[in-house]
Amino acid sequence: MARCVYPRKRGHGMVKIMDYCIADIHGHYALFCRLLDAVGFNEGDRLFVLGDIIDKGPDSVRLAKFLFSMPNAFCIVGNHEYDFLKYYRALMRQTEDYESVLEKLRGSFRDGALLDWETVDRFDRLPFYVETDAFIGVHAGMPLENGKLLPFSRATREQLVYDRRFKDADVLPQGSKCVLFGHTPVRYLTGRDEILFYPRADDSREGRGVADFCKVHLDTGVYLSGVLGCVAADTGRCFYVRERA
C-alpha cells in the first residue's frame, strides 16, 4: 500500500513555488501519491482540490484525512461531499445517538472504519469555491449572464456542485479569471482522458498558464480510465499517472 509523506522540504537549490489543481480523485489514494511524486510536490507548493475526494475508489477516508492534514492543500465541496453531508444532517435530525450516526456514516465508504468525528467536521467546514489571483475553482459550474460570470452570491450550492451545463463547449466565460472545474469526465466530451483547455475568445494563441484560458476542465475520470491528472496553474503543464495493469 502506498504511503504519502508530505510536505517534503526543498533542497538548497530553490525552485519556483507552484500551484497545482486537481478534481475528482474519488478515493484513489495510491494513485494520488504517485501523482504527487510525478509533480515533485513540495512544502512551498499549494494544491487545490476541486471536489469529489470521496466515493468510487477504495480509500476515500484515508485520502480525505491525508488531504486535511496537509497545510498547503485547499479542498472544496463536490457533489459527493455534498451528498454525504446531506445524509449526515438527515441522520442527525433523526437521533441523538451520535455513535450510531457515526457508524452509519462509516458504512458509506469501503474504508469507513477510518472515519472519525474530526474528519466529519472537516467535511462540514469545506467551502464551495476557491479564488486566487489567477483563477476561480469550483466543482461543477458557475452562473453566467450573457457570457459573463455572475458573483458567487448569485450561485446556489446545487449549481456549484451539480451543474452539467458549464462543461459544454459553447459556455465560454469572458472578462473574468479562468474557471477550473471537474465533475464530468472529459472523455464524455472528447473521448480522451486528458485535461481540457478552452482559449479565450479574444486570444487564439496557445496559453502558458491557466490565466490565459477562460476555463479548464480537470476531471480525467479516474474511476473509469485509471488516469489521474493535475495541472500546474502557473505554466499550464499537465501531469498524469495511470493505474498499473
Foldseek 3Di string as FASTA:
>chain_A
DDDADDQAADDPPDDDAFEKEAEQPAQPQRQVSVQCVQVVHHLRHAYEYAENLHHLYAGSPVSLVVQVVRPRYAYAYAVVLVVLVVLLVVVVVVDPPVVVSLVVSLVVHNNSVPDDVVSVVVSVPHHQWDDDPAEIEFAADADDDPLAGDDPVPDDSCCRHPPPPCPDLVNFRPDDHEYEYENDACCVVVVALDKDFAAHPVDPDDDFANRRTNYIYHHSPCSPFQKTKMATRVGRDMTIDGDDD
